[in-house]
Amino acid sequence: MPLFMDVHEELPEGATVADVAQAHEADVAIQEKYGVTYRAYWVDESSRKAFCLVEAPDAEAAITVHREAHGLVADKIYEVAQGV
């Protein structure tokens, strides 16, 4: 299954790591519906950025999960290959 890294370039003002964790849980709650698996996420609270690693049939499926779960759609999404 393809692997994607999505980039949230500007989280809402005041968003915290805990807020992103809550959004991630919302993604996980519905991901199966779209054949998606959110594997990990990273947050840079000081620069208001977040990054999500997701297995999905295509980029649109990953975007759909974010949109439906919490509305925080990534600004960019890249298909990536995992290194060792």
C-alpha atoms as a PDB file:
ATOM      1  CA  MET A   1       0.000   0.000   0.000  1.00  0.00           C
ATOM      2  CA  PRO A   2       1.338   3.483  -0.781  1.00  0.00           C
ATOM      3  CA  LEU A   3       2.809   5.508   2.063  1.00  0.00           C
ATOM      4  CA  PHE A   4       2.228   9.264   2.383  1.00  0.00           C
ATOM      5  CA  MET A   5       3.583  12.072   4.544  1.00  0.00           C
ATOM      6  CA  ASP A   6       1.204  14.948   4.946  1.00  0.00           C
ATOM      7  CA  VAL A   7       2.247  18.381   6.118  1.00  0.00           C
ATOM      8  CA  HIS A   8       0.086  20.783   8.073  1.00  0.00           C
ATOM      9  CA  GLU A   9       1.994  24.028   7.544  1.00  0.00           C
ATOM     10  CA  GLU A  10       0.010  26.165   9.946  1.00  0.00           C
ATOM     11  CA  LEU A  11      -2.007  24.652  12.767  1.00  0.00           C
ATOM     12  CA  PRO A  12      -4.721  26.849  14.285  1.00  0.00           C
ATOM     13  CA  GLU A  13      -3.440  29.524  16.665  1.00  0.00           C
ATOM     14  CA  GLY A  14      -2.973  28.034  20.132  1.00  0.00           C
ATOM     15  CA  ALA A  15      -3.072  24.401  18.946  1.00  0.00           C
ATOM     16  CA  THR A  16      -1.114  22.101  21.264  1.00  0.00           C
ATOM     17  CA  VAL A  17       0.417  18.653  21.019  1.00  0.00           C
ATOM     18  CA  ALA A  18      -2.615  17.420  22.972  1.00  0.00           C
ATOM     19  CA  ASP A  19      -4.939  18.925  20.352  1.00  0.00           C
ATOM     20  CA  VAL A  20      -3.085  17.117  17.578  1.00  0.00           C
ATOM     21  CA  ALA A  21      -3.223  13.867  19.579  1.00  0.00           C
ATOM     22  CA  GLN A  22      -6.997  14.285  19.827  1.00  0.00           C
ATOM     23  CA  ALA A  23      -7.244  14.897  16.062  1.00  0.00           C
ATOM     24  CA  HIS A  24      -5.111  11.796  15.449  1.00  0.00           C
ATOM     25  CA  GLU A  25      -7.472   9.706  17.579  1.00  0.00           C
ATOM     26  CA  ALA A  26     -10.391  11.010  15.513  1.00  0.00           C
ATOM     27  CA  ASP A  27      -8.532   9.908  12.346  1.00  0.00           C
ATOM     28  CA  VAL A  28      -7.907   6.447  13.792  1.00  0.00           C
ATOM     29  CA  ALA A  29     -11.575   6.109  14.753  1.00  0.00           C
ATOM     30  CA  ILE A  30     -12.713   6.327  11.104  1.00  0.00           C
ATOM     31  CA  GLN A  31      -9.649   5.343   9.074  1.00  0.00           C
ATOM     32  CA  GLU A  32     -10.806   1.780   8.392  1.00  0.00           C
ATOM     33  CA  LYS A  33     -13.847   3.113   6.538  1.00  0.00           C
ATOM     34  CA  TYR A  34     -11.454   4.420   3.832  1.00  0.00           C
ATOM     35  CA  GLY A  35      -8.813   1.668   3.881  1.00  0.00           C
ATOM     36  CA  VAL A  36      -6.337   4.034   5.553  1.00  0.00           C
ATOM     37  CA  THR A  37      -3.912   3.511   8.443  1.00  0.00           C
ATOM     38  CA  TYR A  38      -2.446   6.546  10.183  1.00  0.00           C
ATOM     39  CA  ARG A  39       0.888   5.217  11.443  1.00  0.00           C
ATOM     40  CA  ALA A  40       2.502   8.140  13.278  1.00  0.00           C
ATOM     41  CA  TYR A  41       2.487  11.903  13.613  1.00  0.00           C
ATOM     42  CA  TRP A  42       4.905  14.613  14.699  1.00  0.00           C
ATOM     43  CA  VAL A  43       4.203  18.100  15.997  1.00  0.00           C
ATOM     44  CA  ASP A  44       6.357  21.223  16.141  1.00  0.00           C
ATOM     45  CA  GLU A  45       4.225  23.280  18.478  1.00  0.00           C
ATOM     46  CA  SER A  46       6.474  26.363  18.339  1.00  0.00           C
ATOM     47  CA  SER A  47       6.190  26.665  14.538  1.00  0.00           C
ATOM     48  CA  ARG A  48       2.572  25.356  14.474  1.00  0.00           C
ATOM     49  CA  LYS A  49       3.387  22.492  12.096  1.00  0.00           C
ATOM     50  CA  ALA A  50       2.338  18.837  12.120  1.00  0.00           C
ATOM     51  CA  PHE A  51       3.301  15.863   9.976  1.00  0.00           C
ATOM     52  CA  CYS A  52       1.356  12.631   9.566  1.00  0.00           C
ATOM     53  CA  LEU A  53       2.593   9.320   8.167  1.00  0.00           C
ATOM     54  CA  VAL A  54      -0.233   7.356   6.596  1.00  0.00           C
ATOM     55  CA  GLU A  55      -0.751   4.232   4.527  1.00  0.00           C
ATOM     56  CA  ALA A  56      -3.574   4.814   2.073  1.00  0.00           C
ATOM     57  CA  PRO A  57      -4.789   3.565  -1.292  1.00  0.00           C
ATOM     58  CA  ASP A  58      -4.224   7.123  -2.579  1.00  0.00           C
ATOM     59  CA  ALA A  59      -3.690  10.664  -1.316  1.00  0.00           C
ATOM     60  CA  GLU A  60      -7.387  11.503  -1.626  1.00  0.00           C
ATOM     61  CA  ALA A  61      -8.336   8.745   0.847  1.00  0.00           C
ATOM     62  CA  ALA A  62      -5.908  10.162   3.421  1.00  0.00           C
ATOM     63  CA  ILE A  63      -7.273  13.672   2.867  1.00  0.00           C
ATOM     64  CA  THR A  64     -10.842  12.427   3.208  1.00  0.00           C
ATOM     65  CA  VAL A  65     -10.122  10.918   6.638  1.00  0.00           C
ATOM     66  CA  HIS A  66      -8.713  14.225   7.942  1.00  0.00           C
ATOM     67  CA  ARG A  67     -11.614  16.183   6.443  1.00  0.00           C
ATOM     68  CA  GLU A  68     -14.274  13.923   7.942  1.00  0.00           C
ATOM     69  CA  ALA A  69     -12.581  13.324  11.308  1.00  0.00           C
ATOM     70  CA  HIS A  70     -11.758  16.914  12.269  1.00  0.00           C
ATOM     71  CA  GLY A  71     -11.537  19.205   9.240  1.00  0.00           C
ATOM     72  CA  LEU A  72      -7.802  19.918   9.524  1.00  0.00           C
ATOM     73  CA  VAL A  73      -6.765  18.980   5.999  1.00  0.00           C
ATOM     74  CA  ALA A  74      -3.028  18.951   5.257  1.00  0.00           C
ATOM     75  CA  ASP A  75      -1.524  21.703   3.129  1.00  0.00           C
ATOM     76  CA  LYS A  76       0.708  19.244   1.266  1.00  0.00           C
ATOM     77  CA  ILE A  77       0.865  15.484   0.879  1.00  0.00           C
ATOM     78  CA  TYR A  78       3.780  13.513  -0.549  1.00  0.00           C
ATOM     79  CA  GLU A  79       4.030   9.876  -1.529  1.00  0.00           C
ATOM     80  CA  VAL A  80       7.151   8.576   0.234  1.00  0.00           C
ATOM     81  CA  ALA A  81       9.244   5.427   0.493  1.00  0.00           C
ATOM     82  CA  GLN A  82      10.408   4.330   3.929  1.00  0.00           C
ATOM     83  CA  GLY A  83      14.153   3.949   4.392  1.00  0.00           C
ATOM     84  CA  VAL A  84      15.949   1.837   6.937  1.00  0.00           C
END
